[in-house]
Each structure stands twice: as C-alpha cells, then as structure tokens.
Amino acid sequence: MNDGLDKYMIDDRIFSVKFSCDLQLCKGACCTIKGTIGAPLLKEEIKKFESILVTVKENLAGINCNWIDENGFYERDGNEYSLKGINNDDCVFSYYDTGIAKCAIQKAYFENKIDFIKPISCHLFPIRINGKKRNILKYEIINECNDALDKGLLEGVPVMKFVKDGIIRECGKHFYYNLEKRINI
C-alpha cells in the first residue's frame, strides 16, 4: 500500500496524547521558554523572514526591534538554525496582548500583510520533525504545556488533529488523510 506514510517514522503519541492549547492558562509559554534556544528554522525559511521582516517588525515592541537590528533574528549551530530569544528568553517575534505572548509573524499573516504564517516548527508544535531526511515525526513533551494536555483530554483532541494544518503544510493533504484512515480518527 503506497499511502505515503511508509517513508516516515511516526511517534504513536501524536495519535494517543490529547492536546489543545489553553492560552488563558499558559500565557503563550511556547514563545517564552526561558533558557532555551528558539524555535527551529529551516534554512529556506530565513530568506522568507528577510523578505517580511520590515512588515513583521510593525507588530513588535521597540526592545524586540532593537534586538533584531543589533543581533539578528536567528542563530546557526552547524547546519541547524533557530530563532533567537531575547536574552535566551522570549522569542524575538513575540509580543504581548493582554498578558499573553503571541506571534507577530502570525498576526501580520492574519492581517493579510504577509503570505507566511510562521515557521513550520511552530505550526507543527508540539510535533517536531527530525532526521536528516525530515522523516521522523515525534511528540515533544514540555512542562509549559501541561494545561494543553488537560484541555486536550477534556476536549478529546489528539495532537495530530490539533496540528492538522501544520501536518498538511509539511506533508500534504494526501499524507494527512491517509494518516487519519490508518488510525481511524
């Protein structure tokens, strides 16, 4: 059967773990994880960021804009890229709205100012794609998302359904719908 799934190693937890963000409780913690590197970036996303940077910065506070101007928006470690965090804290593209950290990239996208919603790693979160061939899909556990686990359990939303749009963006509709069929969601 060639349903496109056989080229991937898929963590079973994306089907079994229930997950639904609860921004009122977590306050956008995934954008503000302290002491970690920022969200992973694909090399090809960097050029996209460079083309939308001026527009996205319109939604950022001065400290973020200054940080980006002085330090850039991404860092590189070998062949790995990630967004920068201000002092290893808030993502350089985060802003606060009523005490909740939100994404300035996503805001500009929903305002129809740009055609890029956010890095694929953010769109797929809490799923991470790993491997040299980008063929390993795994669920990433972080304590900051415990409220999302509670809400997901209450709503009965598996991780896979929560990140449906990200999976389709990364792997295609054919892949997603075959994944649904295989696990009978």
C-alpha atoms as a PDB file:
ATOM      1  CA  MET A   1       0.000   0.000   0.000  1.00  0.00           C
ATOM      2  CA  ASN A   2       1.525   3.334  -1.059  1.00  0.00           C
ATOM      3  CA  ASP A   3      -0.257   5.817   1.147  1.00  0.00           C
ATOM      4  CA  GLY A   4       2.847   7.991   1.643  1.00  0.00           C
ATOM      5  CA  LEU A   5       3.183   7.040   5.304  1.00  0.00           C
ATOM      6  CA  ASP A   6       5.883   4.408   4.923  1.00  0.00           C
ATOM      7  CA  LYS A   7       8.657   6.950   4.390  1.00  0.00           C
ATOM      8  CA  TYR A   8       8.031   8.414   7.865  1.00  0.00           C
ATOM      9  CA  MET A   9       8.776   7.196  11.373  1.00  0.00           C
ATOM     10  CA  ILE A  10       5.779   8.380  13.361  1.00  0.00           C
ATOM     11  CA  ASP A  11       5.635   8.605  17.146  1.00  0.00           C
ATOM     12  CA  ASP A  12       2.410   6.866  18.266  1.00  0.00           C
ATOM     13  CA  ARG A  13       1.886   9.568  20.891  1.00  0.00           C
ATOM     14  CA  ILE A  14       0.700  12.022  18.206  1.00  0.00           C
ATOM     15  CA  PHE A  15      -2.416   9.833  17.988  1.00  0.00           C
ATOM     16  CA  SER A  16      -2.880   8.978  21.656  1.00  0.00           C
ATOM     17  CA  VAL A  17      -1.874  12.130  23.556  1.00  0.00           C
ATOM     18  CA  LYS A  18      -4.667  14.684  23.813  1.00  0.00           C
ATOM     19  CA  PHE A  19      -3.613  18.316  23.358  1.00  0.00           C
ATOM     20  CA  SER A  20      -5.321  21.700  22.913  1.00  0.00           C
ATOM     21  CA  CYS A  21      -3.631  24.998  23.796  1.00  0.00           C
ATOM     22  CA  ASP A  22      -5.115  26.956  26.648  1.00  0.00           C
ATOM     23  CA  LEU A  23      -3.636  30.422  26.184  1.00  0.00           C
ATOM     24  CA  GLN A  24      -5.559  31.816  29.149  1.00  0.00           C
ATOM     25  CA  LEU A  25      -3.596  29.489  31.430  1.00  0.00           C
ATOM     26  CA  CYS A  26      -0.209  29.073  29.737  1.00  0.00           C
ATOM     27  CA  LYS A  27       0.025  32.711  28.555  1.00  0.00           C
ATOM     28  CA  GLY A  28       1.822  31.660  25.345  1.00  0.00           C
ATOM     29  CA  ALA A  29       4.578  29.805  27.164  1.00  0.00           C
ATOM     30  CA  CYS A  30       5.860  28.121  23.983  1.00  0.00           C
ATOM     31  CA  CYS A  31       7.022  31.564  22.787  1.00  0.00           C
ATOM     32  CA  THR A  32       8.715  32.409  26.068  1.00  0.00           C
ATOM     33  CA  ILE A  33      10.518  29.294  27.289  1.00  0.00           C
ATOM     34  CA  LYS A  34      13.352  30.503  29.466  1.00  0.00           C
ATOM     35  CA  GLY A  35      16.948  29.492  28.884  1.00  0.00           C
ATOM     36  CA  THR A  36      16.446  27.587  25.658  1.00  0.00           C
ATOM     37  CA  ILE A  37      17.217  28.149  22.018  1.00  0.00           C
ATOM     38  CA  GLY A  38      14.333  29.444  19.961  1.00  0.00           C
ATOM     39  CA  ALA A  39      12.107  27.562  17.575  1.00  0.00           C
ATOM     40  CA  PRO A  40      13.926  25.537  14.926  1.00  0.00           C
ATOM     41  CA  LEU A  41      14.116  27.136  11.469  1.00  0.00           C
ATOM     42  CA  LEU A  42      14.652  25.658   8.058  1.00  0.00           C
ATOM     43  CA  LYS A  43      17.437  27.281   6.069  1.00  0.00           C
ATOM     44  CA  GLU A  44      14.939  28.201   3.326  1.00  0.00           C
ATOM     45  CA  GLU A  45      12.734  29.981   5.880  1.00  0.00           C
ATOM     46  CA  ILE A  46      15.496  32.515   6.583  1.00  0.00           C
ATOM     47  CA  LYS A  47      15.151  34.162   3.158  1.00  0.00           C
ATOM     48  CA  LYS A  48      11.381  34.316   3.681  1.00  0.00           C
ATOM     49  CA  PHE A  49      11.915  36.009   7.040  1.00  0.00           C
ATOM     50  CA  GLU A  50      14.277  38.529   5.486  1.00  0.00           C
ATOM     51  CA  SER A  51      11.608  39.472   2.921  1.00  0.00           C
ATOM     52  CA  ILE A  52       8.862  40.008   5.544  1.00  0.00           C
ATOM     53  CA  LEU A  53      10.955  41.394   8.405  1.00  0.00           C
ATOM     54  CA  VAL A  54      10.022  45.059   7.962  1.00  0.00           C
ATOM     55  CA  THR A  55       6.310  44.240   7.981  1.00  0.00           C
ATOM     56  CA  VAL A  56       6.516  41.869  10.952  1.00  0.00           C
ATOM     57  CA  LYS A  57       8.507  44.405  12.991  1.00  0.00           C
ATOM     58  CA  GLU A  58       5.475  46.737  12.826  1.00  0.00           C
ATOM     59  CA  ASN A  59       3.830  44.406  15.385  1.00  0.00           C
ATOM     60  CA  LEU A  60       6.812  44.296  17.749  1.00  0.00           C
ATOM     61  CA  ALA A  61       7.853  46.369  20.731  1.00  0.00           C
ATOM     62  CA  GLY A  62      10.937  48.562  20.425  1.00  0.00           C
ATOM     63  CA  ILE A  63      13.062  46.187  22.501  1.00  0.00           C
ATOM     64  CA  ASN A  64      12.382  43.363  20.023  1.00  0.00           C
ATOM     65  CA  CYS A  65      13.130  45.553  17.007  1.00  0.00           C
ATOM     66  CA  ASN A  66      16.351  46.803  18.576  1.00  0.00           C
ATOM     67  CA  TRP A  67      17.386  43.248  19.472  1.00  0.00           C
ATOM     68  CA  ILE A  68      16.790  42.091  15.891  1.00  0.00           C
ATOM     69  CA  ASP A  69      18.683  45.098  14.480  1.00  0.00           C
ATOM     70  CA  GLU A  70      21.654  44.508  16.794  1.00  0.00           C
ATOM     71  CA  ASN A  71      21.718  40.686  16.996  1.00  0.00           C
ATOM     72  CA  GLY A  72      19.692  39.351  14.082  1.00  0.00           C
ATOM     73  CA  PHE A  73      16.649  37.110  14.331  1.00  0.00           C
ATOM     74  CA  TYR A  74      18.234  33.682  14.020  1.00  0.00           C
ATOM     75  CA  GLU A  75      21.267  31.736  15.091  1.00  0.00           C
ATOM     76  CA  ARG A  76      23.158  28.932  13.477  1.00  0.00           C
ATOM     77  CA  ASP A  77      24.823  25.913  15.038  1.00  0.00           C
ATOM     78  CA  GLY A  78      26.445  23.897  12.255  1.00  0.00           C
ATOM     79  CA  ASN A  79      23.632  23.082   9.857  1.00  0.00           C
ATOM     80  CA  GLU A  80      20.915  23.817  12.430  1.00  0.00           C
ATOM     81  CA  TYR A  81      19.084  27.147  12.580  1.00  0.00           C
ATOM     82  CA  SER A  82      16.762  28.578  15.211  1.00  0.00           C
ATOM     83  CA  LEU A  83      15.008  31.804  16.070  1.00  0.00           C
ATOM     84  CA  LYS A  84      16.725  33.929  18.656  1.00  0.00           C
ATOM     85  CA  GLY A  85      15.306  34.673  22.047  1.00  0.00           C
ATOM     86  CA  ILE A  86      15.878  37.991  23.729  1.00  0.00           C
ATOM     87  CA  ASN A  87      18.457  37.162  26.406  1.00  0.00           C
ATOM     88  CA  ASN A  88      17.634  33.442  25.915  1.00  0.00           C
ATOM     89  CA  ASP A  89      14.037  34.159  26.838  1.00  0.00           C
ATOM     90  CA  ASP A  90      11.118  35.487  24.762  1.00  0.00           C
ATOM     91  CA  CYS A  91      11.192  34.778  21.031  1.00  0.00           C
ATOM     92  CA  VAL A  92      12.299  37.878  19.129  1.00  0.00           C
ATOM     93  CA  PHE A  93       8.990  37.721  17.232  1.00  0.00           C
ATOM     94  CA  SER A  94       6.749  37.568  20.296  1.00  0.00           C
ATOM     95  CA  TYR A  95       4.589  40.408  21.551  1.00  0.00           C
ATOM     96  CA  TYR A  96       2.149  40.612  24.436  1.00  0.00           C
ATOM     97  CA  ASP A  97      -1.595  41.068  24.149  1.00  0.00           C
ATOM     98  CA  THR A  98      -3.458  41.227  27.489  1.00  0.00           C
ATOM     99  CA  GLY A  99      -0.591  39.388  29.175  1.00  0.00           C
ATOM    100  CA  ILE A 100      -0.420  36.578  26.619  1.00  0.00           C
ATOM    101  CA  ALA A 101       2.651  36.090  24.422  1.00  0.00           C
ATOM    102  CA  LYS A 102       1.639  35.917  20.781  1.00  0.00           C
ATOM    103  CA  CYS A 103       3.416  35.698  17.429  1.00  0.00           C
ATOM    104  CA  ALA A 104       3.973  38.899  15.420  1.00  0.00           C
ATOM    105  CA  ILE A 105       4.501  36.831  12.271  1.00  0.00           C
ATOM    106  CA  GLN A 106       1.150  35.129  12.648  1.00  0.00           C
ATOM    107  CA  LYS A 107      -0.523  38.455  13.430  1.00  0.00           C
ATOM    108  CA  ALA A 108       0.814  40.017  10.208  1.00  0.00           C
ATOM    109  CA  TYR A 109      -0.343  36.932   8.297  1.00  0.00           C
ATOM    110  CA  PHE A 110      -3.902  37.157   9.675  1.00  0.00           C
ATOM    111  CA  GLU A 111      -3.908  40.884   8.864  1.00  0.00           C
ATOM    112  CA  ASN A 112      -3.178  39.860   5.235  1.00  0.00           C
ATOM    113  CA  LYS A 113       0.109  41.789   5.251  1.00  0.00           C
ATOM    114  CA  ILE A 114       2.317  38.763   4.505  1.00  0.00           C
ATOM    115  CA  ASP A 115       1.844  35.299   2.984  1.00  0.00           C
ATOM    116  CA  PHE A 116       3.840  33.305   5.573  1.00  0.00           C
ATOM    117  CA  ILE A 117       2.009  32.165   8.712  1.00  0.00           C
ATOM    118  CA  LYS A 118       5.009  31.174  10.883  1.00  0.00           C
ATOM    119  CA  PRO A 119       7.949  28.760  10.877  1.00  0.00           C
ATOM    120  CA  ILE A 120       6.876  25.186  10.186  1.00  0.00           C
ATOM    121  CA  SER A 121       8.315  24.118  13.557  1.00  0.00           C
ATOM    122  CA  CYS A 122       5.860  26.471  15.282  1.00  0.00           C
ATOM    123  CA  HIS A 123       2.979  25.420  13.042  1.00  0.00           C
ATOM    124  CA  LEU A 124       3.591  21.767  13.966  1.00  0.00           C
ATOM    125  CA  PHE A 125       4.258  22.284  17.669  1.00  0.00           C
ATOM    126  CA  PRO A 126       4.143  20.099  19.830  1.00  0.00           C
ATOM    127  CA  ILE A 127       5.192  17.791  16.987  1.00  0.00           C
ATOM    128  CA  ARG A 128       8.824  18.055  15.954  1.00  0.00           C
ATOM    129  CA  ILE A 129      10.254  16.791  12.699  1.00  0.00           C
ATOM    130  CA  ASN A 130      13.715  15.300  12.962  1.00  0.00           C
ATOM    131  CA  GLY A 131      16.141  13.255  10.931  1.00  0.00           C
ATOM    132  CA  LYS A 132      18.397  14.106   8.020  1.00  0.00           C
ATOM    133  CA  LYS A 133      15.514  13.364   5.654  1.00  0.00           C
ATOM    134  CA  ARG A 134      12.985  15.188   7.873  1.00  0.00           C
ATOM    135  CA  ASN A 135      11.094  11.926   8.145  1.00  0.00           C
ATOM    136  CA  ILE A 136      10.715  11.452  11.904  1.00  0.00           C
ATOM    137  CA  LEU A 137       7.568  12.938  13.446  1.00  0.00           C
ATOM    138  CA  LYS A 138       7.613  12.907  17.223  1.00  0.00           C
ATOM    139  CA  TYR A 139       5.662  14.449  20.049  1.00  0.00           C
ATOM    140  CA  GLU A 140       7.741  16.790  22.219  1.00  0.00           C
ATOM    141  CA  ILE A 141       6.880  16.974  25.892  1.00  0.00           C
ATOM    142  CA  ILE A 142       7.393  20.290  27.660  1.00  0.00           C
ATOM    143  CA  ASN A 143       6.111  21.117  31.125  1.00  0.00           C
ATOM    144  CA  GLU A 144       4.844  24.502  29.969  1.00  0.00           C
ATOM    145  CA  CYS A 145       2.129  22.658  28.016  1.00  0.00           C
ATOM    146  CA  ASN A 146       0.573  20.736  30.918  1.00  0.00           C
ATOM    147  CA  ASP A 147      -2.547  22.919  30.678  1.00  0.00           C
ATOM    148  CA  ALA A 148      -2.854  21.988  26.983  1.00  0.00           C
ATOM    149  CA  LEU A 149      -2.791  18.323  27.963  1.00  0.00           C
ATOM    150  CA  ASP A 150      -5.638  18.888  30.429  1.00  0.00           C
ATOM    151  CA  LYS A 151      -7.700  20.841  27.899  1.00  0.00           C
ATOM    152  CA  GLY A 152      -6.962  18.319  25.135  1.00  0.00           C
ATOM    153  CA  LEU A 153      -8.111  15.469  27.380  1.00  0.00           C
ATOM    154  CA  LEU A 154     -11.286  17.361  28.249  1.00  0.00           C
ATOM    155  CA  GLU A 155     -11.997  18.093  24.560  1.00  0.00           C
ATOM    156  CA  GLY A 156     -10.744  14.712  23.264  1.00  0.00           C
ATOM    157  CA  VAL A 157      -8.394  16.317  20.713  1.00  0.00           C
ATOM    158  CA  PRO A 158      -5.361  14.206  19.769  1.00  0.00           C
ATOM    159  CA  VAL A 159      -2.121  16.066  18.997  1.00  0.00           C
ATOM    160  CA  MET A 160      -2.485  15.050  15.353  1.00  0.00           C
ATOM    161  CA  LYS A 161      -5.824  16.837  14.982  1.00  0.00           C
ATOM    162  CA  PHE A 162      -4.595  19.861  16.933  1.00  0.00           C
ATOM    163  CA  VAL A 163      -1.780  20.418  14.419  1.00  0.00           C
ATOM    164  CA  LYS A 164      -3.683  19.258  11.327  1.00  0.00           C
ATOM    165  CA  ASP A 165      -2.898  22.421   9.322  1.00  0.00           C
ATOM    166  CA  GLY A 166       0.810  22.151  10.110  1.00  0.00           C
ATOM    167  CA  ILE A 167       0.928  18.486   9.106  1.00  0.00           C
ATOM    168  CA  ILE A 168      -0.845  19.270   5.841  1.00  0.00           C
ATOM    169  CA  ARG A 169       1.548  22.162   5.192  1.00  0.00           C
ATOM    170  CA  GLU A 170       4.596  19.956   5.806  1.00  0.00           C
ATOM    171  CA  CYS A 171       3.480  16.581   4.432  1.00  0.00           C
ATOM    172  CA  GLY A 172       0.454  17.316   2.233  1.00  0.00           C
ATOM    173  CA  LYS A 173      -3.284  16.576   2.376  1.00  0.00           C
ATOM    174  CA  HIS A 174      -2.821  13.098   0.941  1.00  0.00           C
ATOM    175  CA  PHE A 175      -0.478  12.195   3.805  1.00  0.00           C
ATOM    176  CA  TYR A 176      -2.767  13.637   6.482  1.00  0.00           C
ATOM    177  CA  TYR A 177      -5.918  11.939   5.236  1.00  0.00           C
ATOM    178  CA  ASN A 178      -4.122   8.599   4.875  1.00  0.00           C
ATOM    179  CA  LEU A 179      -2.835   9.050   8.406  1.00  0.00           C
ATOM    180  CA  GLU A 180      -6.416   9.581   9.598  1.00  0.00           C
ATOM    181  CA  LYS A 181      -7.577   6.460   7.741  1.00  0.00           C
ATOM    182  CA  ARG A 182      -4.813   4.326   9.135  1.00  0.00           C
ATOM    183  CA  ILE A 183      -5.620   5.190  12.726  1.00  0.00           C
ATOM    184  CA  ASN A 184      -9.384   5.585  12.266  1.00  0.00           C
ATOM    185  CA  ILE A 185      -9.759   9.089  13.697  1.00  0.00           C
END
